[in-house]
Structure formats: C-alpha cells, structure tokens
PDB file of N, CA and C in Angstrom:
ATOM      1  N   MET A   1      47.420-167.819  13.482  1.00  0.00           N
ATOM      2  CA  MET A   1      46.497-167.130  12.422  1.00  0.00           C
ATOM      3  C   MET A   1      46.641-167.543  11.034  1.00  0.00           C
ATOM      4  N   ILE A   2      45.573-167.802  10.346  1.00  0.00           N
ATOM      5  CA  ILE A   2      45.214-168.074   8.993  1.00  0.00           C
ATOM      6  C   ILE A   2      45.276-166.982   8.110  1.00  0.00           C
ATOM      7  N   ALA A   3      46.430-166.854   7.131  1.00  0.00           N
ATOM      8  CA  ALA A   3      46.400-165.857   6.409  1.00  0.00           C
ATOM      9  C   ALA A   3      45.353-165.928   5.023  1.00  0.00           C
ATOM     10  N   LEU A   4      44.909-165.256   4.687  1.00  0.00           N
ATOM     11  CA  LEU A   4      43.871-165.147   3.242  1.00  0.00           C
ATOM     12  C   LEU A   4      43.893-163.713   2.713  1.00  0.00           C
ATOM     13  N   ARG A   5      43.174-164.054   1.100  1.00  0.00           N
ATOM     14  CA  ARG A   5      43.138-162.866   0.595  1.00  0.00           C
ATOM     15  C   ARG A   5      42.263-162.699  -0.120  1.00  0.00           C
ATOM     16  N   PHE A   6      41.398-161.495  -0.397  1.00  0.00           N
ATOM     17  CA  PHE A   6      39.972-160.851  -0.634  1.00  0.00           C
ATOM     18  C   PHE A   6      40.331-160.553  -1.838  1.00  0.00           C
ATOM     19  N   GLN A   7      39.559-160.630  -2.844  1.00  0.00           N
ATOM     20  CA  GLN A   7      39.869-160.277  -4.257  1.00  0.00           C
ATOM     21  C   GLN A   7      38.666-159.503  -4.787  1.00  0.00           C
ATOM     22  N   ALA A   8      38.656-157.843  -4.690  1.00  0.00           N
ATOM     23  CA  ALA A   8      37.439-157.406  -5.067  1.00  0.00           C
ATOM     24  C   ALA A   8      37.012-157.735  -6.807  1.00  0.00           C
ATOM     25  N   ALA A   9      36.068-156.947  -6.882  1.00  0.00           N
ATOM     26  CA  ALA A   9      35.323-157.197  -8.285  1.00  0.00           C
ATOM     27  C   ALA A   9      36.367-156.373  -9.425  1.00  0.00           C
ATOM     28  N   ASN A  10      37.093-155.390  -8.823  1.00  0.00           N
ATOM     29  CA  ASN A  10      38.048-154.417  -9.531  1.00  0.00           C
ATOM     30  C   ASN A  10      39.391-155.187  -9.508  1.00  0.00           C
ATOM     31  N   GLY A  11      39.998-156.382  -9.183  1.00  0.00           N
ATOM     32  CA  GLY A  11      40.985-156.777  -8.952  1.00  0.00           C
ATOM     33  C   GLY A  11      41.899-156.417  -7.752  1.00  0.00           C
ATOM     34  N   ALA A  12      41.455-155.623  -7.100  1.00  0.00           N
ATOM     35  CA  ALA A  12      42.133-155.159  -5.656  1.00  0.00           C
ATOM     36  C   ALA A  12      42.473-156.265  -4.641  1.00  0.00           C
ATOM     37  N   ILE A  13      43.356-156.435  -4.234  1.00  0.00           N
ATOM     38  CA  ILE A  13      43.731-157.628  -3.251  1.00  0.00           C
ATOM     39  C   ILE A  13      43.797-156.817  -1.456  1.00  0.00           C
ATOM     40  N   THR A  14      43.042-157.315  -0.845  1.00  0.00           N
ATOM     41  CA  THR A  14      42.983-156.899   0.754  1.00  0.00           C
ATOM     42  C   THR A  14      43.345-158.395   1.202  1.00  0.00           C
ATOM     43  N   THR A  15      44.575-158.309   2.139  1.00  0.00           N
ATOM     44  CA  THR A  15      45.020-159.466   2.589  1.00  0.00           C
ATOM     45  C   THR A  15      44.110-159.374   4.532  1.00  0.00           C
ATOM     46  N   ALA A  16      44.150-160.580   4.853  1.00  0.00           N
ATOM     47  CA  ALA A  16      43.352-160.438   6.151  1.00  0.00           C
ATOM     48  C   ALA A  16      44.044-161.942   6.865  1.00  0.00           C
ATOM     49  N   GLU A  17      43.481-161.781   8.117  1.00  0.00           N
ATOM     50  CA  GLU A  17      43.708-162.901   9.025  1.00  0.00           C
ATOM     51  C   GLU A  17      42.719-163.480   9.543  1.00  0.00           C
ATOM     52  N   ALA A  18      42.589-164.708   9.687  1.00  0.00           N
ATOM     53  CA  ALA A  18      41.506-165.609  10.419  1.00  0.00           C
ATOM     54  C   ALA A  18      42.156-166.465  11.824  1.00  0.00           C
ATOM     55  N   GLN A  19      41.064-166.288  12.773  1.00  0.00           N
ATOM     56  CA  GLN A  19      41.363-167.350  14.116  1.00  0.00           C
ATOM     57  C   GLN A  19      40.974-168.831  13.580  1.00  0.00           C
ATOM     58  N   PRO A  20      41.628-170.051  13.930  1.00  0.00           N
ATOM     59  CA  PRO A  20      40.747-171.074  13.447  1.00  0.00           C
ATOM     60  C   PRO A  20      39.704-171.400  14.065  1.00  0.00           C
ATOM     61  N   GLY A  21      38.558-171.701  13.436  1.00  0.00           N
ATOM     62  CA  GLY A  21      36.792-171.549  13.873  1.00  0.00           C
ATOM     63  C   GLY A  21      36.229-170.357  13.480  1.00  0.00           C
ATOM     64  N   GLU A  22      36.673-169.107  13.395  1.00  0.00           N
ATOM     65  CA  GLU A  22      36.010-168.013  13.088  1.00  0.00           C
ATOM     66  C   GLU A  22      35.438-168.254  11.567  1.00  0.00           C
ATOM     67  N   THR A  23      34.221-167.701  11.239  1.00  0.00           N
ATOM     68  CA  THR A  23      33.442-167.781   9.645  1.00  0.00           C
ATOM     69  C   THR A  23      34.175-167.045   9.113  1.00  0.00           C
ATOM     70  N   LEU A  24      34.158-167.338   7.605  1.00  0.00           N
ATOM     71  CA  LEU A  24      34.704-166.254   6.649  1.00  0.00           C
ATOM     72  C   LEU A  24      34.083-164.873   6.657  1.00  0.00           C
ATOM     73  N   LEU A  25      32.917-164.987   6.983  1.00  0.00           N
ATOM     74  CA  LEU A  25      31.571-163.727   7.040  1.00  0.00           C
ATOM     75  C   LEU A  25      32.826-162.797   7.889  1.00  0.00           C
ATOM     76  N   ARG A  26      32.921-163.384   9.014  1.00  0.00           N
ATOM     77  CA  ARG A  26      33.186-162.292  10.241  1.00  0.00           C
ATOM     78  C   ARG A  26      34.677-161.826   9.827  1.00  0.00           C
ATOM     79  N   VAL A  27      35.432-162.960   8.896  1.00  0.00           N
ATOM     80  CA  VAL A  27      36.806-162.248   8.555  1.00  0.00           C
ATOM     81  C   VAL A  27      37.201-161.050   7.652  1.00  0.00           C
ATOM     82  N   GLY A  28      35.985-161.323   6.815  1.00  0.00           N
ATOM     83  CA  GLY A  28      35.605-160.462   5.580  1.00  0.00           C
ATOM     84  C   GLY A  28      35.287-159.234   5.983  1.00  0.00           C
ATOM     85  N   GLN A  29      34.396-159.178   6.993  1.00  0.00           N
ATOM     86  CA  GLN A  29      33.875-158.185   7.522  1.00  0.00           C
ATOM     87  C   GLN A  29      34.483-157.207   8.609  1.00  0.00           C
ATOM     88  N   ARG A  30      35.630-158.025   9.241  1.00  0.00           N
ATOM     89  CA  ARG A  30      36.562-157.412  10.262  1.00  0.00           C
ATOM     90  C   ARG A  30      37.355-156.518   8.889  1.00  0.00           C
ATOM     91  N   ALA A  31      37.675-157.237   8.129  1.00  0.00           N
ATOM     92  CA  ALA A  31      38.623-156.521   6.803  1.00  0.00           C
ATOM     93  C   ALA A  31      38.330-155.650   6.180  1.00  0.00           C
ATOM     94  N   GLY A  32      36.913-155.084   6.326  1.00  0.00           N
ATOM     95  CA  GLY A  32      36.535-154.046   5.718  1.00  0.00           C
ATOM     96  C   GLY A  32      35.902-154.414   4.561  1.00  0.00           C
ATOM     97  N   GLN A  33      35.339-155.613   4.068  1.00  0.00           N
ATOM     98  CA  GLN A  33      34.998-155.978   2.860  1.00  0.00           C
ATOM     99  C   GLN A  33      33.525-155.894   2.897  1.00  0.00           C
ATOM    100  N   PRO A  34      32.952-155.636   1.752  1.00  0.00           N
ATOM    101  CA  PRO A  34      31.533-155.668   1.461  1.00  0.00           C
ATOM    102  C   PRO A  34      30.671-157.030   1.164  1.00  0.00           C
ATOM    103  N   LEU A  35      30.768-157.639   2.279  1.00  0.00           N
ATOM    104  CA  LEU A  35      29.943-158.566   2.776  1.00  0.00           C
ATOM    105  C   LEU A  35      28.969-158.360   3.852  1.00  0.00           C
ATOM    106  N   GLU A  36      27.667-158.306   3.751  1.00  0.00           N
ATOM    107  CA  GLU A  36      26.620-157.822   4.537  1.00  0.00           C
ATOM    108  C   GLU A  36      26.204-158.782   5.482  1.00  0.00           C
ATOM    109  N   GLY A  37      25.863-159.859   5.151  1.00  0.00           N
ATOM    110  CA  GLY A  37      25.571-161.013   6.305  1.00  0.00           C
ATOM    111  C   GLY A  37      24.203-160.553   7.042  1.00  0.00           C
ATOM    112  N   THR A  38      23.244-159.799   6.148  1.00  0.00           N
ATOM    113  CA  THR A  38      22.402-159.227   6.525  1.00  0.00           C
ATOM    114  C   THR A  38      21.490-159.923   7.650  1.00  0.00           C
ATOM    115  N   CYS A  39      21.345-161.574   7.496  1.00  0.00           N
ATOM    116  CA  CYS A  39      20.712-162.514   8.445  1.00  0.00           C
ATOM    117  C   CYS A  39      21.731-162.853   9.522  1.00  0.00           C
ATOM    118  N   GLY A  40      22.826-162.548   9.966  1.00  0.00           N
ATOM    119  CA  GLY A  40      23.696-162.680  10.868  1.00  0.00           C
ATOM    120  C   GLY A  40      24.093-164.103  10.736  1.00  0.00           C
ATOM    121  N   GLY A  41      24.466-164.579   9.478  1.00  0.00           N
ATOM    122  CA  GLY A  41      24.790-165.741   9.472  1.00  0.00           C
ATOM    123  C   GLY A  41      23.944-166.874   9.556  1.00  0.00           C
ATOM    124  N   GLN A  42      22.753-166.692   9.308  1.00  0.00           N
ATOM    125  CA  GLN A  42      21.940-168.040   9.932  1.00  0.00           C
ATOM    126  C   GLN A  42      21.379-168.231   8.317  1.00  0.00           C
ATOM    127  N   MET A  43      22.128-167.989   7.407  1.00  0.00           N
ATOM    128  CA  MET A  43      21.615-168.717   6.083  1.00  0.00           C
ATOM    129  C   MET A  43      20.182-168.427   5.598  1.00  0.00           C
ATOM    130  N   ALA A  44      19.726-167.373   5.560  1.00  0.00           N
ATOM    131  CA  ALA A  44      18.800-166.780   5.459  1.00  0.00           C
ATOM    132  C   ALA A  44      18.597-165.683   4.435  1.00  0.00           C
ATOM    133  N   CYS A  45      19.917-165.509   3.919  1.00  0.00           N
ATOM    134  CA  CYS A  45      19.923-164.631   2.876  1.00  0.00           C
ATOM    135  C   CYS A  45      21.127-165.035   2.184  1.00  0.00           C
ATOM    136  N   ALA A  46      21.798-164.137   0.884  1.00  0.00           N
ATOM    137  CA  ALA A  46      22.858-164.763   0.194  1.00  0.00           C
ATOM    138  C   ALA A  46      23.617-163.709  -0.152  1.00  0.00           C
ATOM    139  N   THR A  47      23.594-162.446   1.162  1.00  0.00           N
ATOM    140  CA  THR A  47      24.315-161.480   1.097  1.00  0.00           C
ATOM    141  C   THR A  47      25.843-161.723   1.494  1.00  0.00           C
ATOM    142  N   CYS A  48      26.010-162.873   1.912  1.00  0.00           N
ATOM    143  CA  CYS A  48      27.982-163.068   2.075  1.00  0.00           C
ATOM    144  C   CYS A  48      28.418-163.860   0.541  1.00  0.00           C
ATOM    145  N   HIS A  49      27.596-163.869  -0.535  1.00  0.00           N
ATOM    146  CA  HIS A  49      27.989-164.583  -1.698  1.00  0.00           C
ATOM    147  C   HIS A  49      29.561-164.544  -1.782  1.00  0.00           C
ATOM    148  N   VAL A  50      30.245-165.178  -1.783  1.00  0.00           N
ATOM    149  CA  VAL A  50      31.668-165.081  -2.085  1.00  0.00           C
ATOM    150  C   VAL A  50      32.016-166.316  -3.349  1.00  0.00           C
ATOM    151  N   LEU A  51      33.154-166.170  -4.003  1.00  0.00           N
ATOM    152  CA  LEU A  51      33.800-167.143  -4.820  1.00  0.00           C
ATOM    153  C   LEU A  51      35.152-167.510  -4.564  1.00  0.00           C
ATOM    154  N   ILE A  52      35.134-169.045  -3.991  1.00  0.00           N
ATOM    155  CA  ILE A  52      36.027-169.785  -3.279  1.00  0.00           C
ATOM    156  C   ILE A  52      37.499-170.053  -4.908  1.00  0.00           C
ATOM    157  N   ASP A  53      38.390-170.175  -4.253  1.00  0.00           N
ATOM    158  CA  ASP A  53      39.113-170.313  -5.192  1.00  0.00           C
ATOM    159  C   ASP A  53      39.256-171.798  -5.469  1.00  0.00           C
ATOM    160  N   PRO A  54      39.112-172.130  -6.640  1.00  0.00           N
ATOM    161  CA  PRO A  54      38.812-173.773  -6.953  1.00  0.00           C
ATOM    162  C   PRO A  54      39.886-174.568  -6.450  1.00  0.00           C
ATOM    163  N   ALA A  55      41.087-174.187  -6.378  1.00  0.00           N
ATOM    164  CA  ALA A  55      42.209-174.980  -5.695  1.00  0.00           C
ATOM    165  C   ALA A  55      41.791-175.322  -4.342  1.00  0.00           C
ATOM    166  N   TYR A  56      40.941-174.521  -3.413  1.00  0.00           N
ATOM    167  CA  TYR A  56      40.556-174.774  -2.004  1.00  0.00           C
ATOM    168  C   TYR A  56      39.177-175.445  -2.089  1.00  0.00           C
ATOM    169  N   LEU A  57      38.463-175.587  -2.977  1.00  0.00           N
ATOM    170  CA  LEU A  57      37.339-176.488  -2.657  1.00  0.00           C
ATOM    171  C   LEU A  57      36.951-177.817  -2.074  1.00  0.00           C
ATOM    172  N   ASP A  58      37.929-178.160  -2.554  1.00  0.00           N
ATOM    173  CA  ASP A  58      38.306-179.608  -1.818  1.00  0.00           C
ATOM    174  C   ASP A  58      38.426-179.698  -0.271  1.00  0.00           C
ATOM    175  N   HIS A  59      38.911-178.419   0.412  1.00  0.00           N
ATOM    176  CA  HIS A  59      39.641-178.026   1.371  1.00  0.00           C
ATOM    177  C   HIS A  59      38.411-177.813   2.391  1.00  0.00           C
ATOM    178  N   LEU A  60      37.045-177.728   1.664  1.00  0.00           N
ATOM    179  CA  LEU A  60      35.630-177.442   2.574  1.00  0.00           C
ATOM    180  C   LEU A  60      34.750-178.531   2.576  1.00  0.00           C
ATOM    181  N   PRO A  61      34.149-178.504   3.586  1.00  0.00           N
ATOM    182  CA  PRO A  61      32.992-179.639   3.371  1.00  0.00           C
ATOM    183  C   PRO A  61      32.052-179.225   2.254  1.00  0.00           C
ATOM    184  N   ALA A  62      31.442-180.236   1.649  1.00  0.00           N
ATOM    185  CA  ALA A  62      30.215-179.758   0.684  1.00  0.00           C
ATOM    186  C   ALA A  62      29.309-178.898   1.305  1.00  0.00           C
ATOM    187  N   PRO A  63      28.900-178.135   0.363  1.00  0.00           N
ATOM    188  CA  PRO A  63      27.979-177.295   1.003  1.00  0.00           C
ATOM    189  C   PRO A  63      26.334-178.184   1.056  1.00  0.00           C
ATOM    190  N   SER A  64      25.953-177.358   2.137  1.00  0.00           N
ATOM    191  CA  SER A  64      24.665-178.117   2.913  1.00  0.00           C
ATOM    192  C   SER A  64      23.677-177.662   1.813  1.00  0.00           C
ATOM    193  N   ALA A  65      22.656-178.486   1.687  1.00  0.00           N
ATOM    194  CA  ALA A  65      21.233-178.829   0.695  1.00  0.00           C
ATOM    195  C   ALA A  65      20.598-177.194   1.069  1.00  0.00           C
ATOM    196  N   GLU A  66      20.515-176.581   2.354  1.00  0.00           N
ATOM    197  CA  GLU A  66      19.837-175.159   2.357  1.00  0.00           C
ATOM    198  C   GLU A  66      21.090-174.157   1.874  1.00  0.00           C
ATOM    199  N   GLU A  67      22.429-174.358   1.793  1.00  0.00           N
ATOM    200  CA  GLU A  67      23.113-173.591   1.287  1.00  0.00           C
ATOM    201  C   GLU A  67      22.948-173.177  -0.261  1.00  0.00           C
ATOM    202  N   GLU A  68      23.121-174.923  -0.834  1.00  0.00           N
ATOM    203  CA  GLU A  68      22.700-174.533  -2.211  1.00  0.00           C
ATOM    204  C   GLU A  68      21.042-174.296  -2.360  1.00  0.00           C
ATOM    205  N   ASP A  69      20.129-173.871  -2.100  1.00  0.00           N
ATOM    206  CA  ASP A  69      18.918-173.467  -2.075  1.00  0.00           C
ATOM    207  C   ASP A  69      19.361-172.070  -2.167  1.00  0.00           C
ATOM    208  N   MET A  70      19.849-171.363  -1.171  1.00  0.00           N
ATOM    209  CA  MET A  70      20.505-170.140  -1.174  1.00  0.00           C
ATOM    210  C   MET A  70      21.076-169.731  -2.265  1.00  0.00           C
ATOM    211  N   LEU A  71      21.997-170.351  -2.634  1.00  0.00           N
ATOM    212  CA  LEU A  71      22.888-169.746  -3.781  1.00  0.00           C
ATOM    213  C   LEU A  71      22.129-169.864  -5.225  1.00  0.00           C
ATOM    214  N   ASP A  72      20.974-170.880  -5.014  1.00  0.00           N
ATOM    215  CA  ASP A  72      20.187-170.707  -6.203  1.00  0.00           C
ATOM    216  C   ASP A  72      19.584-169.567  -6.518  1.00  0.00           C
ATOM    217  N   LEU A  73      19.648-168.668  -5.705  1.00  0.00           N
ATOM    218  CA  LEU A  73      18.789-167.111  -5.497  1.00  0.00           C
ATOM    219  C   LEU A  73      19.677-166.481  -6.149  1.00  0.00           C
ATOM    220  N   VAL A  74      21.163-166.765  -6.020  1.00  0.00           N
ATOM    221  CA  VAL A  74      22.211-165.762  -6.703  1.00  0.00           C
ATOM    222  C   VAL A  74      22.129-165.991  -7.899  1.00  0.00           C
ATOM    223  N   PRO A  75      22.161-164.420  -8.829  1.00  0.00           N
ATOM    224  CA  PRO A  75      21.982-164.696 -10.194  1.00  0.00           C
ATOM    225  C   PRO A  75      23.380-165.305 -10.846  1.00  0.00           C
ATOM    226  N   ASP A  76      24.548-164.544 -10.008  1.00  0.00           N
ATOM    227  CA  ASP A  76      25.744-164.845 -10.735  1.00  0.00           C
ATOM    228  C   ASP A  76      26.754-165.858  -9.843  1.00  0.00           C
ATOM    229  N   ALA A  77      25.635-166.850  -9.530  1.00  0.00           N
ATOM    230  CA  ALA A  77      26.536-168.034  -8.918  1.00  0.00           C
ATOM    231  C   ALA A  77      27.114-168.943  -9.856  1.00  0.00           C
ATOM    232  N   THR A  78      28.497-169.518  -9.182  1.00  0.00           N
ATOM    233  CA  THR A  78      29.291-170.353 -10.119  1.00  0.00           C
ATOM    234  C   THR A  78      29.513-171.302  -9.378  1.00  0.00           C
ATOM    235  N   ARG A  79      30.176-172.545 -10.067  1.00  0.00           N
ATOM    236  CA  ARG A  79      30.676-173.614  -8.994  1.00  0.00           C
ATOM    237  C   ARG A  79      31.261-173.457  -8.038  1.00  0.00           C
ATOM    238  N   SER A  80      32.136-172.213  -7.705  1.00  0.00           N
ATOM    239  CA  SER A  80      33.020-171.934  -6.783  1.00  0.00           C
ATOM    240  C   SER A  80      32.035-170.892  -5.906  1.00  0.00           C
ATOM    241  N   SER A  81      30.709-170.875  -5.925  1.00  0.00           N
ATOM    242  CA  SER A  81      30.379-170.163  -5.164  1.00  0.00           C
ATOM    243  C   SER A  81      29.819-170.718  -3.709  1.00  0.00           C
ATOM    244  N   ARG A  82      29.821-169.983  -2.847  1.00  0.00           N
ATOM    245  CA  ARG A  82      29.559-170.219  -1.073  1.00  0.00           C
ATOM    246  C   ARG A  82      28.975-169.088  -0.213  1.00  0.00           C
ATOM    247  N   LEU A  83      28.453-169.456   0.524  1.00  0.00           N
ATOM    248  CA  LEU A  83      28.209-168.280   1.705  1.00  0.00           C
ATOM    249  C   LEU A  83      28.991-168.290   2.455  1.00  0.00           C
ATOM    250  N   ALA A  84      29.874-166.947   2.734  1.00  0.00           N
ATOM    251  CA  ALA A  84      31.023-166.886   3.670  1.00  0.00           C
ATOM    252  C   ALA A  84      30.602-167.322   5.027  1.00  0.00           C
ATOM    253  N   CYS A  85      29.196-167.359   5.540  1.00  0.00           N
ATOM    254  CA  CYS A  85      28.659-167.660   6.833  1.00  0.00           C
ATOM    255  C   CYS A  85      28.860-168.728   6.992  1.00  0.00           C
ATOM    256  N   GLN A  86      29.014-169.720   5.844  1.00  0.00           N
ATOM    257  CA  GLN A  86      29.062-171.453   6.363  1.00  0.00           C
ATOM    258  C   GLN A  86      30.532-171.790   6.172  1.00  0.00           C
ATOM    259  N   ILE A  87      31.396-170.855   5.872  1.00  0.00           N
ATOM    260  CA  ILE A  87      32.597-171.431   5.557  1.00  0.00           C
ATOM    261  C   ILE A  87      33.300-171.193   7.127  1.00  0.00           C
ATOM    262  N   VAL A  88      33.917-172.310   7.754  1.00  0.00           N
ATOM    263  CA  VAL A  88      34.664-171.968   8.830  1.00  0.00           C
ATOM    264  C   VAL A  88      36.028-172.607   8.613  1.00  0.00           C
ATOM    265  N   MET A  89      36.995-171.226   9.371  1.00  0.00           N
ATOM    266  CA  MET A  89      38.557-171.243   8.780  1.00  0.00           C
ATOM    267  C   MET A  89      38.861-172.072   9.643  1.00  0.00           C
ATOM    268  N   THR A  90      39.997-173.331   8.942  1.00  0.00           N
ATOM    269  CA  THR A  90      40.853-174.174   9.237  1.00  0.00           C
ATOM    270  C   THR A  90      42.325-173.998   8.408  1.00  0.00           C
ATOM    271  N   GLU A  91      43.396-174.184   9.218  1.00  0.00           N
ATOM    272  CA  GLU A  91      44.524-174.411   8.792  1.00  0.00           C
ATOM    273  C   GLU A  91      44.430-174.471   7.501  1.00  0.00           C
ATOM    274  N   ARG A  92      43.891-175.436   6.579  1.00  0.00           N
ATOM    275  CA  ARG A  92      44.349-176.390   5.615  1.00  0.00           C
ATOM    276  C   ARG A  92      43.454-174.872   4.654  1.00  0.00           C
ATOM    277  N   LEU A  93      42.977-174.057   4.912  1.00  0.00           N
ATOM    278  CA  LEU A  93      42.457-172.643   4.109  1.00  0.00           C
ATOM    279  C   LEU A  93      43.639-171.404   3.700  1.00  0.00           C
ATOM    280  N   GLY A  94      44.671-171.927   4.650  1.00  0.00           N
ATOM    281  CA  GLY A  94      45.923-170.713   4.610  1.00  0.00           C
ATOM    282  C   GLY A  94      46.302-170.344   3.215  1.00  0.00           C
ATOM    283  N   ASN A  95      46.125-168.909   2.775  1.00  0.00           N
ATOM    284  CA  ASN A  95      46.553-168.281   1.747  1.00  0.00           C
ATOM    285  C   ASN A  95      45.577-168.861   0.768  1.00  0.00           C
ATOM    286  N   MET A  96      44.264-169.021   0.631  1.00  0.00           N
ATOM    287  CA  MET A  96      43.116-169.039  -0.323  1.00  0.00           C
ATOM    288  C   MET A  96      42.891-167.464  -0.562  1.00  0.00           C
ATOM    289  N   VAL A  97      42.083-167.710  -1.772  1.00  0.00           N
ATOM    290  CA  VAL A  97      41.940-166.572  -2.142  1.00  0.00           C
ATOM    291  C   VAL A  97      40.585-166.373  -2.296  1.00  0.00           C
ATOM    292  N   VAL A  98      40.014-165.550  -1.786  1.00  0.00           N
ATOM    293  CA  VAL A  98      38.460-165.470  -1.925  1.00  0.00           C
ATOM    294  C   VAL A  98      37.634-164.287  -2.795  1.00  0.00           C
ATOM    295  N   ARG A  99      37.094-164.177  -3.995  1.00  0.00           N
ATOM    296  CA  ARG A  99      36.991-163.360  -4.327  1.00  0.00           C
ATOM    297  C   ARG A  99      35.308-162.731  -4.215  1.00  0.00           C
ATOM    298  N   LEU A 100      35.221-161.636  -4.827  1.00  0.00           N
ATOM    299  CA  LEU A 100      33.763-160.610  -4.360  1.00  0.00           C
ATOM    300  C   LEU A 100      33.549-160.615  -5.715  1.00  0.00           C
ATOM    301  N   PRO A 101      32.151-160.951  -5.547  1.00  0.00           N
ATOM    302  CA  PRO A 101      31.373-160.797  -7.268  1.00  0.00           C
ATOM    303  C   PRO A 101      30.794-159.339  -7.344  1.00  0.00           C
TER     304      PRO A 101
END
C-alpha cells in the first residue's frame, strides 16, 4: 500500500492508501474527497484538478499535451496542477500531499 494525504482548502488533512497502478482520482474518491471525475477519467473535463506537492512533481511523468489543454481551462491552475485521473500511483509517490483547490 502507498500512503498519501489529501489537504482540503480549509487545511483539513485526510490520509488515504493506494494500490500501485491505481489512479489518484480513484484513491481520492474512495477516501471521500470532492473529486468528481465527471468524465470517468477520460480527460474530457477538469473536475479532478489537484495540486501536487512540488517535491513530488519530478516523480511524475510530464503532463501530456491533452492534459495541459484541459488544465488551461482551470482558472486557478498553478505549476503544480494536475488531473488526478492522469496520475498513476507508484511507490515513489508514498507520503505525497495532494492539495484540493
């Protein structure tokens, strides 16, 4: 299991566990986080927008052009913005903090 934490906009922390290969979207939904994933993880919306702890950005593959296009539609996107449906959990992401905008 891969341990991680979700931080709500109000600062509240929720701990969660992921299986390797599981998407961050599914982990967040199972942990009761407000990640809609309206498109079912098909990268056709941005309702699973999250902010990744900058210390972990180098542990992730670069976002695809399609993901960057979707993030361009997010008004509060930052350099650490990603779509949770596109992040596949690996052991390298253990203890990561994921902020919810």
